[in-house]
C-alpha atoms as a PDB file:
ATOM      1  CA  MET A   1      30.401 -40.599  -6.736  1.00  0.00           C
ATOM      2  CA  ASP A   2      27.835 -41.811  -5.346  1.00  0.00           C
ATOM      3  CA  GLU A   3      25.989 -39.538  -2.188  1.00  0.00           C
ATOM      4  CA  TYR A   4      25.986 -41.244   0.932  1.00  0.00           C
ATOM      5  CA  ARG A   5      23.399 -40.225   3.932  1.00  0.00           C
ATOM      6  CA  PHE A   6      24.657 -40.326   7.660  1.00  0.00           C
ATOM      7  CA  ARG A   7      21.928 -42.813   9.586  1.00  0.00           C
ATOM      8  CA  GLN A   8      22.130 -40.791  13.234  1.00  0.00           C
ATOM      9  CA  SER A   9      22.169 -42.948  16.326  1.00  0.00           C
ATOM     10  CA  ASP A  10      24.989 -43.259  19.048  1.00  0.00           C
ATOM     11  CA  ASN A  11      27.462 -42.625  16.544  1.00  0.00           C
ATOM     12  CA  TYR A  12      27.367 -41.863  12.973  1.00  0.00           C
ATOM     13  CA  LYS A  13      27.950 -44.333  10.772  1.00  0.00           C
ATOM     14  CA  LEU A  14      27.693 -44.234   6.999  1.00  0.00           C
ATOM     15  CA  ASP A  15      24.296 -45.978   5.599  1.00  0.00           C
ATOM     16  CA  SER A  16      25.540 -48.048   2.303  1.00  0.00           C
ATOM     17  CA  GLU A  17      22.052 -46.946   0.588  1.00  0.00           C
ATOM     18  CA  PRO A  18      22.870 -44.064  -2.156  1.00  0.00           C
ATOM     19  CA  ILE A  19      20.366 -41.062  -2.097  1.00  0.00           C
ATOM     20  CA  ARG A  20      17.769 -41.651  -4.969  1.00  0.00           C
ATOM     21  CA  GLU A  21      16.560 -38.895  -6.235  1.00  0.00           C
ATOM     22  CA  SER A  22      12.309 -38.908  -6.811  1.00  0.00           C
ATOM     23  CA  PRO A  23      12.196 -39.195 -10.542  1.00  0.00           C
ATOM     24  CA  ARG A  24      10.495 -35.384 -11.545  1.00  0.00           C
ATOM     25  CA  LYS A  25       7.931 -34.915 -12.891  1.00  0.00           C
ATOM     26  CA  THR A  26       6.471 -31.946 -15.408  1.00  0.00           C
ATOM     27  CA  PRO A  27       5.775 -28.580 -13.796  1.00  0.00           C
ATOM     28  CA  SER A  28       2.061 -28.642 -13.711  1.00  0.00           C
ATOM     29  CA  LYS A  29      -0.095 -25.744 -15.374  1.00  0.00           C
ATOM     30  CA  ARG A  30      -1.941 -24.724 -12.121  1.00  0.00           C
ATOM     31  CA  GLY A  31      -3.429 -21.332 -12.135  1.00  0.00           C
ATOM     32  CA  ARG A  32      -5.232 -18.973 -14.694  1.00  0.00           C
ATOM     33  CA  LYS A  33      -3.596 -19.616 -18.033  1.00  0.00           C
ATOM     34  CA  PRO A  34      -2.737 -16.736 -19.632  1.00  0.00           C
ATOM     35  CA  ALA A  35      -5.340 -15.306 -21.404  1.00  0.00           C
ATOM     36  CA  LYS A  36      -4.764 -14.161 -25.162  1.00  0.00           C
ATOM     37  CA  VAL A  37      -6.345 -10.289 -23.688  1.00  0.00           C
ATOM     38  CA  ASP A  38      -6.721  -7.132 -25.573  1.00  0.00           C
ATOM     39  CA  VAL A  39      -3.502  -4.353 -25.093  1.00  0.00           C
ATOM     40  CA  LYS A  40      -6.004  -1.708 -25.922  1.00  0.00           C
ATOM     41  CA  ALA A  41      -8.726  -2.724 -23.155  1.00  0.00           C
ATOM     42  CA  LYS A  42      -6.345  -3.101 -20.542  1.00  0.00           C
ATOM     43  CA  LEU A  43      -4.334  -0.197 -20.550  1.00  0.00           C
ATOM     44  CA  GLU A  44      -8.277   2.126 -20.902  1.00  0.00           C
ATOM     45  CA  ARG A  45      -9.131  -0.751 -17.418  1.00  0.00           C
ATOM     46  CA  SER A  46      -5.475   0.425 -16.311  1.00  0.00           C
ATOM     47  CA  ARG A  47      -6.412   4.367 -17.216  1.00  0.00           C
ATOM     48  CA  GLN A  48      -9.018   4.489 -15.434  1.00  0.00           C
ATOM     49  CA  SER A  49      -8.481   2.754 -12.482  1.00  0.00           C
ATOM     50  CA  ALA A  50      -5.848   5.372 -12.079  1.00  0.00           C
ATOM     51  CA  ARG A  51      -8.247   8.097 -12.583  1.00  0.00           C
ATOM     52  CA  GLU A  52     -10.857   6.268  -9.899  1.00  0.00           C
ATOM     53  CA  CYS A  53      -7.991   6.167  -8.027  1.00  0.00           C
ATOM     54  CA  ARG A  54      -6.784  10.582  -8.197  1.00  0.00           C
ATOM     55  CA  ALA A  55     -10.413  11.125  -7.497  1.00  0.00           C
ATOM     56  CA  ARG A  56     -10.455   8.780  -4.362  1.00  0.00           C
ATOM     57  CA  LYS A  57      -7.671  10.377  -2.917  1.00  0.00           C
ATOM     58  CA  LYS A  58      -8.497  13.565  -3.567  1.00  0.00           C
ATOM     59  CA  LEU A  59     -12.043  12.935  -1.957  1.00  0.00           C
ATOM     60  CA  ARG A  60      -9.698  12.078   1.412  1.00  0.00           C
ATOM     61  CA  TYR A  61      -7.246  14.946   1.462  1.00  0.00           C
ATOM     62  CA  GLN A  62     -10.639  17.207   0.675  1.00  0.00           C
ATOM     63  CA  TYR A  63     -11.985  15.772   3.965  1.00  0.00           C
ATOM     64  CA  LEU A  64      -8.273  15.696   5.746  1.00  0.00           C
ATOM     65  CA  GLU A  65      -8.325  19.180   4.859  1.00  0.00           C
ATOM     66  CA  GLU A  66     -11.567  20.502   6.817  1.00  0.00           C
ATOM     67  CA  LEU A  67     -10.961  17.449   9.475  1.00  0.00           C
ATOM     68  CA  VAL A  68      -8.195  19.869   9.771  1.00  0.00           C
ATOM     69  CA  SER A  69      -9.826  23.351  10.095  1.00  0.00           C
ATOM     70  CA  SER A  70     -12.546  22.548  12.314  1.00  0.00           C
ATOM     71  CA  ARG A  71      -9.940  20.736  14.592  1.00  0.00           C
ATOM     72  CA  GLU A  72      -8.104  24.118  14.171  1.00  0.00           C
ATOM     73  CA  ARG A  73     -10.947  26.283  14.720  1.00  0.00           C
ATOM     74  CA  ALA A  74     -12.133  24.645  18.285  1.00  0.00           C
ATOM     75  CA  ILE A  75      -8.764  25.496  19.578  1.00  0.00           C
ATOM     76  CA  ILE A  76      -8.667  29.168  18.910  1.00  0.00           C
ATOM     77  CA  GLN A  77     -12.168  28.854  20.043  1.00  0.00           C
ATOM     78  CA  LEU A  78     -10.480  27.142  23.555  1.00  0.00           C
ATOM     79  CA  ARG A  79      -7.753  29.409  23.790  1.00  0.00           C
ATOM     80  CA  ASP A  80     -10.015  32.366  24.079  1.00  0.00           C
ATOM     81  CA  GLU A  81     -12.113  30.744  26.676  1.00  0.00           C
ATOM     82  CA  LEU A  82      -8.950  29.658  28.589  1.00  0.00           C
ATOM     83  CA  GLU A  83      -7.464  33.421  28.192  1.00  0.00           C
ATOM     84  CA  ARG A  84     -11.034  34.700  30.012  1.00  0.00           C
ATOM     85  CA  TYR A  85     -10.965  32.325  32.339  1.00  0.00           C
ATOM     86  CA  LYS A  86      -7.453  33.163  32.787  1.00  0.00           C
ATOM     87  CA  LEU A  87      -8.609  37.144  32.823  1.00  0.00           C
ATOM     88  CA  TRP A  88     -11.673  36.177  35.802  1.00  0.00           C
ATOM     89  CA  VAL A  89      -9.015  34.612  38.149  1.00  0.00           C
ATOM     90  CA  LYS A  90      -6.866  37.507  38.099  1.00  0.00           C
ATOM     91  CA  GLN A  91      -9.664  39.667  39.020  1.00  0.00           C
ATOM     92  CA  MET A  92     -10.587  37.627  41.889  1.00  0.00           C
ATOM     93  CA  ASP A  93      -7.178  37.641  42.872  1.00  0.00           C
ATOM     94  CA  LYS A  94      -7.977  41.041  43.374  1.00  0.00           C
ATOM     95  CA  ASP A  95     -11.426  41.101  45.284  1.00  0.00           C
ATOM     96  CA  CYS A  96     -13.105  41.946  42.065  1.00  0.00           C
ATOM     97  CA  VAL A  97     -15.537  39.322  40.441  1.00  0.00           C
ATOM     98  CA  PRO A  98     -16.467  39.628  37.288  1.00  0.00           C
ATOM     99  CA  LYS A  99     -19.942  40.291  36.527  1.00  0.00           C
ATOM    100  CA  GLU A 100     -19.758  37.238  33.576  1.00  0.00           C
ATOM    101  CA  VAL A 101     -19.358  35.027  36.190  1.00  0.00           C
ATOM    102  CA  PHE A 102     -22.362  35.978  38.170  1.00  0.00           C
ATOM    103  CA  GLN A 103     -23.959  35.392  34.864  1.00  0.00           C
ATOM    104  CA  MET A 104     -22.728  32.182  34.328  1.00  0.00           C
ATOM    105  CA  LEU A 105     -23.317  31.117  37.846  1.00  0.00           C
ATOM    106  CA  GLU A 106     -26.980  32.101  36.779  1.00  0.00           C
ATOM    107  CA  ARG A 107     -27.375  30.830  34.004  1.00  0.00           C
ATOM    108  CA  HIS A 108     -26.022  27.030  35.170  1.00  0.00           C
ATOM    109  CA  ASN A 109     -28.480  27.369  38.369  1.00  0.00           C
ATOM    110  CA  ARG A 110     -31.199  28.039  36.276  1.00  0.00           C
ATOM    111  CA  THR A 111     -30.290  24.486  34.383  1.00  0.00           C
ATOM    112  CA  GLN A 112     -29.708  22.625  37.524  1.00  0.00           C
ATOM    113  CA  ILE A 113     -32.839  23.893  38.881  1.00  0.00           C
ATOM    114  CA  ASP A 114     -34.659  23.070  35.319  1.00  0.00           C
ATOM    115  CA  ASN A 115     -33.313  19.716  35.600  1.00  0.00           C
ATOM    116  CA  SER A 116     -34.441  18.433  38.651  1.00  0.00           C
ATOM    117  CA  ASP A 117     -36.894  16.969  40.181  1.00  0.00           C
ATOM    118  CA  THR A 118     -36.593  18.959  44.272  1.00  0.00           C
ATOM    119  CA  VAL A 119     -35.222  22.121  44.905  1.00  0.00           C
ATOM    120  CA  CYS A 120     -32.666  22.604  48.006  1.00  0.00           C
ATOM    121  CA  LEU A 121     -32.736  25.643  49.134  1.00  0.00           C
END
């Protein structure tokens, strides 16, 4: 039985032309042609690639571990500093200024004086 196509217009009418299929072409052989590859050489390249991949992975993990440990040390240092400041604030609330605060302010003032051209008194 022949297939017919519909022609779209105001109303659908059956077109009397049968659908003609284009003649099939043989598939073209594009791309790389499978070369005769030495199986042993291919396996050795695969093994070498896997070794290199594992080495890169190991280096990446070492880098990340060092990064994490340095960040953890920084966190510990900042927590200690925060606790010291909290202690100073508690002492200041009791009308007692710790001598470390004075020393820190003196250092800060010296650096400002050293870095500026004019001194305001």
